Amino acid sequence: MDPAARGSVFRRIRERLPGADRRDLGAGYAAAVAAVCVVLLFSLVMVVSVPLGVGDPALSLVALTATPLVVPAAFLSTVAVWRVFPMTGRFGGLLGGLLATVVTYLVSLAGLYLLVVALAFGSGPASTGTLLAEAGWFVALVGFAAFLWTFWLTIPIGCLGGAAYERTRSG
């Protein structure tokens, strides 16, 4: 695609999404799209690689189920990163994408923790301290496993997405 056509495509996208002309919100939209791509690609890899003994369709379903939590977390994390750290310089987008990816893991886990605690409060008589601690351990274990299963895909796509976004912004 030639640069003029690419510019008109991105200009039309920025005109349709609220606030997309702002650098931080535009980066957030780009990260949300990248998060959807990661979920779909991870799910596809997990299903296709079953014959190799690597994949697991259950992990594909877990990833697809996590989408409503991960995509908004990617948007919010990236907006925050782009607001706190102005992404300038040759590697600004790449480093911003890396940092936003790491923050997305943390924000997603915070959302999962709130969800687990909210669901557990209605499950029966347990002390609040025990419930909060067990929910914390559960979420930490899920986060560790999620990172181990997905970092090979999320880190490169996050870095490349941040770099590509800044590249389209600067021309």
C-alpha atoms as a PDB file:
ATOM      1  CA  MET A   1       0.000   0.000   0.000  1.00  0.00           C
ATOM      2  CA  ASP A   2       1.480   3.337  -0.971  1.00  0.00           C
ATOM      3  CA  PRO A   3       1.974   5.964   1.784  1.00  0.00           C
ATOM      4  CA  ALA A   4      -0.759   8.276   0.454  1.00  0.00           C
ATOM      5  CA  ALA A   5      -3.372   5.502   0.482  1.00  0.00           C
ATOM      6  CA  ARG A   6      -2.239   4.332   3.918  1.00  0.00           C
ATOM      7  CA  GLY A   7      -2.518   7.894   5.204  1.00  0.00           C
ATOM      8  CA  SER A   8      -6.065   8.251   3.928  1.00  0.00           C
ATOM      9  CA  VAL A   9      -7.096   4.927   5.507  1.00  0.00           C
ATOM     10  CA  PHE A  10      -5.732   5.934   8.910  1.00  0.00           C
ATOM     11  CA  ARG A  11      -7.218   9.427   8.567  1.00  0.00           C
ATOM     12  CA  ARG A  12     -10.678   7.904   7.968  1.00  0.00           C
ATOM     13  CA  ILE A  13     -10.262   5.609  10.967  1.00  0.00           C
ATOM     14  CA  ARG A  14      -9.216   8.535  13.190  1.00  0.00           C
ATOM     15  CA  GLU A  15     -12.265  10.503  12.039  1.00  0.00           C
ATOM     16  CA  ARG A  16     -14.686   7.723  13.028  1.00  0.00           C
ATOM     17  CA  LEU A  17     -13.364   6.708  16.458  1.00  0.00           C
ATOM     18  CA  PRO A  18     -14.005   9.218  19.251  1.00  0.00           C
ATOM     19  CA  GLY A  19     -10.760  10.867  20.295  1.00  0.00           C
ATOM     20  CA  ALA A  20      -8.611   8.770  17.954  1.00  0.00           C
ATOM     21  CA  ASP A  21      -6.848  11.890  16.721  1.00  0.00           C
ATOM     22  CA  ARG A  22      -5.271  12.211  20.182  1.00  0.00           C
ATOM     23  CA  ARG A  23      -1.999  10.318  20.439  1.00  0.00           C
ATOM     24  CA  ASP A  24      -2.867   8.455  23.676  1.00  0.00           C
ATOM     25  CA  LEU A  25      -6.389   7.403  22.694  1.00  0.00           C
ATOM     26  CA  GLY A  26      -5.253   6.423  19.218  1.00  0.00           C
ATOM     27  CA  ALA A  27      -2.587   4.221  20.788  1.00  0.00           C
ATOM     28  CA  GLY A  28      -5.265   2.709  23.042  1.00  0.00           C
ATOM     29  CA  TYR A  29      -7.438   1.827  20.049  1.00  0.00           C
ATOM     30  CA  ALA A  30      -4.428   0.296  18.300  1.00  0.00           C
ATOM     31  CA  ALA A  31      -3.642  -1.768  21.405  1.00  0.00           C
ATOM     32  CA  ALA A  32      -7.227  -2.991  21.691  1.00  0.00           C
ATOM     33  CA  VAL A  33      -7.095  -4.172  18.081  1.00  0.00           C
ATOM     34  CA  ALA A  34      -3.728  -5.825  18.751  1.00  0.00           C
ATOM     35  CA  ALA A  35      -5.205  -7.583  21.802  1.00  0.00           C
ATOM     36  CA  VAL A  36      -8.030  -9.009  19.699  1.00  0.00           C
ATOM     37  CA  CYS A  37      -5.453 -10.193  17.152  1.00  0.00           C
ATOM     38  CA  VAL A  38      -3.382 -11.831  19.903  1.00  0.00           C
ATOM     39  CA  VAL A  39      -6.414 -13.669  21.303  1.00  0.00           C
ATOM     40  CA  LEU A  40      -7.479 -14.924  17.891  1.00  0.00           C
ATOM     41  CA  LEU A  41      -3.963 -15.919  16.851  1.00  0.00           C
ATOM     42  CA  PHE A  42      -3.270 -17.655  20.173  1.00  0.00           C
ATOM     43  CA  SER A  43      -6.569 -19.542  19.901  1.00  0.00           C
ATOM     44  CA  LEU A  44      -5.781 -20.592  16.360  1.00  0.00           C
ATOM     45  CA  VAL A  45      -2.287 -21.783  17.323  1.00  0.00           C
ATOM     46  CA  MET A  46      -3.677 -23.764  20.267  1.00  0.00           C
ATOM     47  CA  VAL A  47      -6.168 -25.577  18.019  1.00  0.00           C
ATOM     48  CA  VAL A  48      -3.887 -26.112  15.012  1.00  0.00           C
ATOM     49  CA  SER A  49      -0.916 -27.341  17.059  1.00  0.00           C
ATOM     50  CA  VAL A  50      -2.850 -30.119  18.845  1.00  0.00           C
ATOM     51  CA  PRO A  51      -1.471 -32.819  16.501  1.00  0.00           C
ATOM     52  CA  LEU A  52       2.050 -31.689  17.429  1.00  0.00           C
ATOM     53  CA  GLY A  53       1.304 -32.229  21.106  1.00  0.00           C
ATOM     54  CA  VAL A  54       1.780 -28.536  21.900  1.00  0.00           C
ATOM     55  CA  GLY A  55      -1.688 -27.042  21.650  1.00  0.00           C
ATOM     56  CA  ASP A  56      -4.789 -27.480  23.725  1.00  0.00           C
ATOM     57  CA  PRO A  57      -8.305 -26.502  22.618  1.00  0.00           C
ATOM     58  CA  ALA A  58      -9.175 -25.748  26.251  1.00  0.00           C
ATOM     59  CA  LEU A  59      -6.566 -22.974  26.278  1.00  0.00           C
ATOM     60  CA  SER A  60      -8.143 -21.622  23.127  1.00  0.00           C
ATOM     61  CA  LEU A  61     -11.484 -21.377  24.929  1.00  0.00           C
ATOM     62  CA  VAL A  62      -9.854 -19.756  27.963  1.00  0.00           C
ATOM     63  CA  ALA A  63      -8.278 -17.112  25.718  1.00  0.00           C
ATOM     64  CA  LEU A  64     -11.548 -16.418  23.943  1.00  0.00           C
ATOM     65  CA  THR A  65     -13.345 -16.188  27.284  1.00  0.00           C
ATOM     66  CA  ALA A  66     -10.768 -13.690  28.569  1.00  0.00           C
ATOM     67  CA  THR A  67     -11.305 -11.353  25.616  1.00  0.00           C
ATOM     68  CA  PRO A  68     -13.880  -9.097  27.358  1.00  0.00           C
ATOM     69  CA  LEU A  69     -11.360  -8.533  30.140  1.00  0.00           C
ATOM     70  CA  VAL A  70      -8.142  -8.296  28.123  1.00  0.00           C
ATOM     71  CA  VAL A  71      -9.236  -5.939  25.333  1.00  0.00           C
ATOM     72  CA  PRO A  72     -10.436  -3.098  27.608  1.00  0.00           C
ATOM     73  CA  ALA A  73      -7.373  -3.658  29.808  1.00  0.00           C
ATOM     74  CA  ALA A  74      -5.144  -3.237  26.742  1.00  0.00           C
ATOM     75  CA  PHE A  75      -6.944  -0.023  25.807  1.00  0.00           C
ATOM     76  CA  LEU A  76      -6.748   1.472  29.309  1.00  0.00           C
ATOM     77  CA  SER A  77      -3.166   0.358  29.899  1.00  0.00           C
ATOM     78  CA  THR A  78      -1.931   1.789  26.644  1.00  0.00           C
ATOM     79  CA  VAL A  79      -3.727   5.099  27.138  1.00  0.00           C
ATOM     80  CA  ALA A  80      -2.137   5.362  30.589  1.00  0.00           C
ATOM     81  CA  VAL A  81       1.335   4.474  29.309  1.00  0.00           C
ATOM     82  CA  TRP A  82       1.106   6.962  26.437  1.00  0.00           C
ATOM     83  CA  ARG A  83      -0.065   9.698  28.837  1.00  0.00           C
ATOM     84  CA  VAL A  84       2.594   9.095  31.477  1.00  0.00           C
ATOM     85  CA  PHE A  85       5.508   8.480  29.129  1.00  0.00           C
ATOM     86  CA  PRO A  86       5.539  10.523  25.940  1.00  0.00           C
ATOM     87  CA  MET A  87       6.592   8.081  23.232  1.00  0.00           C
ATOM     88  CA  THR A  88       9.217   9.998  21.325  1.00  0.00           C
ATOM     89  CA  GLY A  89      12.437   9.078  19.664  1.00  0.00           C
ATOM     90  CA  ARG A  90      13.378   6.248  17.420  1.00  0.00           C
ATOM     91  CA  PHE A  91      12.298   3.432  19.741  1.00  0.00           C
ATOM     92  CA  GLY A  92       9.529   5.224  21.655  1.00  0.00           C
ATOM     93  CA  GLY A  93       6.668   3.238  20.154  1.00  0.00           C
ATOM     94  CA  LEU A  94       8.501  -0.052  20.604  1.00  0.00           C
ATOM     95  CA  LEU A  95       9.259   0.631  24.276  1.00  0.00           C
ATOM     96  CA  GLY A  96       5.752   1.999  24.825  1.00  0.00           C
ATOM     97  CA  GLY A  97       4.278  -1.155  23.314  1.00  0.00           C
ATOM     98  CA  LEU A  98       6.426  -3.314  25.594  1.00  0.00           C
ATOM     99  CA  LEU A  99       5.487  -1.353  28.707  1.00  0.00           C
ATOM    100  CA  ALA A 100       1.800  -1.264  27.742  1.00  0.00           C
ATOM    101  CA  THR A 101       1.831  -5.039  27.242  1.00  0.00           C
ATOM    102  CA  VAL A 102       3.258  -5.630  30.721  1.00  0.00           C
ATOM    103  CA  VAL A 103       0.777  -3.180  32.254  1.00  0.00           C
ATOM    104  CA  THR A 104      -2.044  -4.936  30.368  1.00  0.00           C
ATOM    105  CA  TYR A 105      -1.193  -8.184  32.149  1.00  0.00           C
ATOM    106  CA  LEU A 106      -1.377  -6.379  35.517  1.00  0.00           C
ATOM    107  CA  VAL A 107      -4.626  -4.531  34.751  1.00  0.00           C
ATOM    108  CA  SER A 108      -6.216  -7.740  33.448  1.00  0.00           C
ATOM    109  CA  LEU A 109      -5.257  -9.550  36.642  1.00  0.00           C
ATOM    110  CA  ALA A 110      -6.637  -6.725  38.770  1.00  0.00           C
ATOM    111  CA  GLY A 111      -9.928  -7.029  36.876  1.00  0.00           C
ATOM    112  CA  LEU A 112      -9.895 -10.800  37.306  1.00  0.00           C
ATOM    113  CA  TYR A 113      -9.250 -10.380  41.036  1.00  0.00           C
ATOM    114  CA  LEU A 114     -12.252  -8.075  41.400  1.00  0.00           C
ATOM    115  CA  LEU A 115     -14.392 -10.515  39.437  1.00  0.00           C
ATOM    116  CA  VAL A 116     -13.288 -13.518  41.505  1.00  0.00           C
ATOM    117  CA  VAL A 117     -13.856 -11.681  44.790  1.00  0.00           C
ATOM    118  CA  ALA A 118     -17.301 -10.484  43.680  1.00  0.00           C
ATOM    119  CA  LEU A 119     -18.313 -13.992  42.664  1.00  0.00           C
ATOM    120  CA  ALA A 120     -16.850 -15.593  45.790  1.00  0.00           C
ATOM    121  CA  PHE A 121     -18.702 -13.332  48.210  1.00  0.00           C
ATOM    122  CA  GLY A 122     -21.969 -14.957  47.205  1.00  0.00           C
ATOM    123  CA  SER A 123     -20.657 -18.506  47.428  1.00  0.00           C
ATOM    124  CA  GLY A 124     -21.051 -19.168  51.129  1.00  0.00           C
ATOM    125  CA  PRO A 125     -19.743 -18.452  54.594  1.00  0.00           C
ATOM    126  CA  ALA A 126     -16.033 -17.683  54.580  1.00  0.00           C
ATOM    127  CA  SER A 127     -14.063 -15.043  56.390  1.00  0.00           C
ATOM    128  CA  THR A 128     -13.308 -11.991  54.321  1.00  0.00           C
ATOM    129  CA  GLY A 129      -9.578 -12.277  54.935  1.00  0.00           C
ATOM    130  CA  THR A 130      -9.471 -15.887  53.805  1.00  0.00           C
ATOM    131  CA  LEU A 131     -11.559 -15.125  50.760  1.00  0.00           C
ATOM    132  CA  LEU A 132      -9.360 -12.197  49.708  1.00  0.00           C
ATOM    133  CA  ALA A 133      -6.153 -14.161  50.267  1.00  0.00           C
ATOM    134  CA  GLU A 134      -7.341 -17.223  48.362  1.00  0.00           C
ATOM    135  CA  ALA A 135      -8.581 -15.045  45.521  1.00  0.00           C
ATOM    136  CA  GLY A 136      -5.167 -13.357  45.439  1.00  0.00           C
ATOM    137  CA  TRP A 137      -3.319 -16.669  45.221  1.00  0.00           C
ATOM    138  CA  PHE A 138      -5.685 -17.923  42.543  1.00  0.00           C
ATOM    139  CA  VAL A 139      -5.249 -14.790  40.422  1.00  0.00           C
ATOM    140  CA  ALA A 140      -1.465 -14.867  40.890  1.00  0.00           C
ATOM    141  CA  LEU A 141      -1.383 -18.471  39.686  1.00  0.00           C
ATOM    142  CA  VAL A 142      -3.617 -17.672  36.714  1.00  0.00           C
ATOM    143  CA  GLY A 143      -1.459 -14.648  35.869  1.00  0.00           C
ATOM    144  CA  PHE A 144       1.758 -16.652  36.026  1.00  0.00           C
ATOM    145  CA  ALA A 145       0.299 -19.376  33.807  1.00  0.00           C
ATOM    146  CA  ALA A 146      -1.193 -16.834  31.389  1.00  0.00           C
ATOM    147  CA  PHE A 147       2.133 -15.059  31.040  1.00  0.00           C
ATOM    148  CA  LEU A 148       4.032 -18.313  30.466  1.00  0.00           C
ATOM    149  CA  TRP A 149       1.558 -19.443  27.811  1.00  0.00           C
ATOM    150  CA  THR A 150       1.261 -16.138  25.948  1.00  0.00           C
ATOM    151  CA  PHE A 151       4.391 -13.985  26.344  1.00  0.00           C
ATOM    152  CA  TRP A 152       5.910 -15.355  23.135  1.00  0.00           C
ATOM    153  CA  LEU A 153       3.033 -13.759  21.256  1.00  0.00           C
ATOM    154  CA  THR A 154       1.987 -10.749  23.350  1.00  0.00           C
ATOM    155  CA  ILE A 155       5.417  -9.174  23.794  1.00  0.00           C
ATOM    156  CA  PRO A 156       6.375  -9.119  20.085  1.00  0.00           C
ATOM    157  CA  ILE A 157       2.912  -8.014  18.944  1.00  0.00           C
ATOM    158  CA  GLY A 158       2.785  -5.341  21.655  1.00  0.00           C
ATOM    159  CA  CYS A 159       6.202  -3.991  20.678  1.00  0.00           C
ATOM    160  CA  LEU A 160       5.474  -4.109  16.965  1.00  0.00           C
ATOM    161  CA  GLY A 161       2.028  -2.587  17.478  1.00  0.00           C
ATOM    162  CA  GLY A 162       3.452   0.342  19.444  1.00  0.00           C
ATOM    163  CA  ALA A 163       6.197   0.894  16.892  1.00  0.00           C
ATOM    164  CA  ALA A 164       3.767   0.667  13.970  1.00  0.00           C
ATOM    165  CA  TYR A 165       1.351   3.071  15.638  1.00  0.00           C
ATOM    166  CA  GLU A 166       4.039   5.675  16.249  1.00  0.00           C
ATOM    167  CA  ARG A 167       5.335   5.172  12.722  1.00  0.00           C
ATOM    168  CA  THR A 168       1.879   5.903  11.252  1.00  0.00           C
ATOM    169  CA  ARG A 169       1.570   8.965  13.488  1.00  0.00           C
ATOM    170  CA  SER A 170       4.898  10.417  12.421  1.00  0.00           C
ATOM    171  CA  GLY A 171       4.499   9.510   8.763  1.00  0.00           C
END
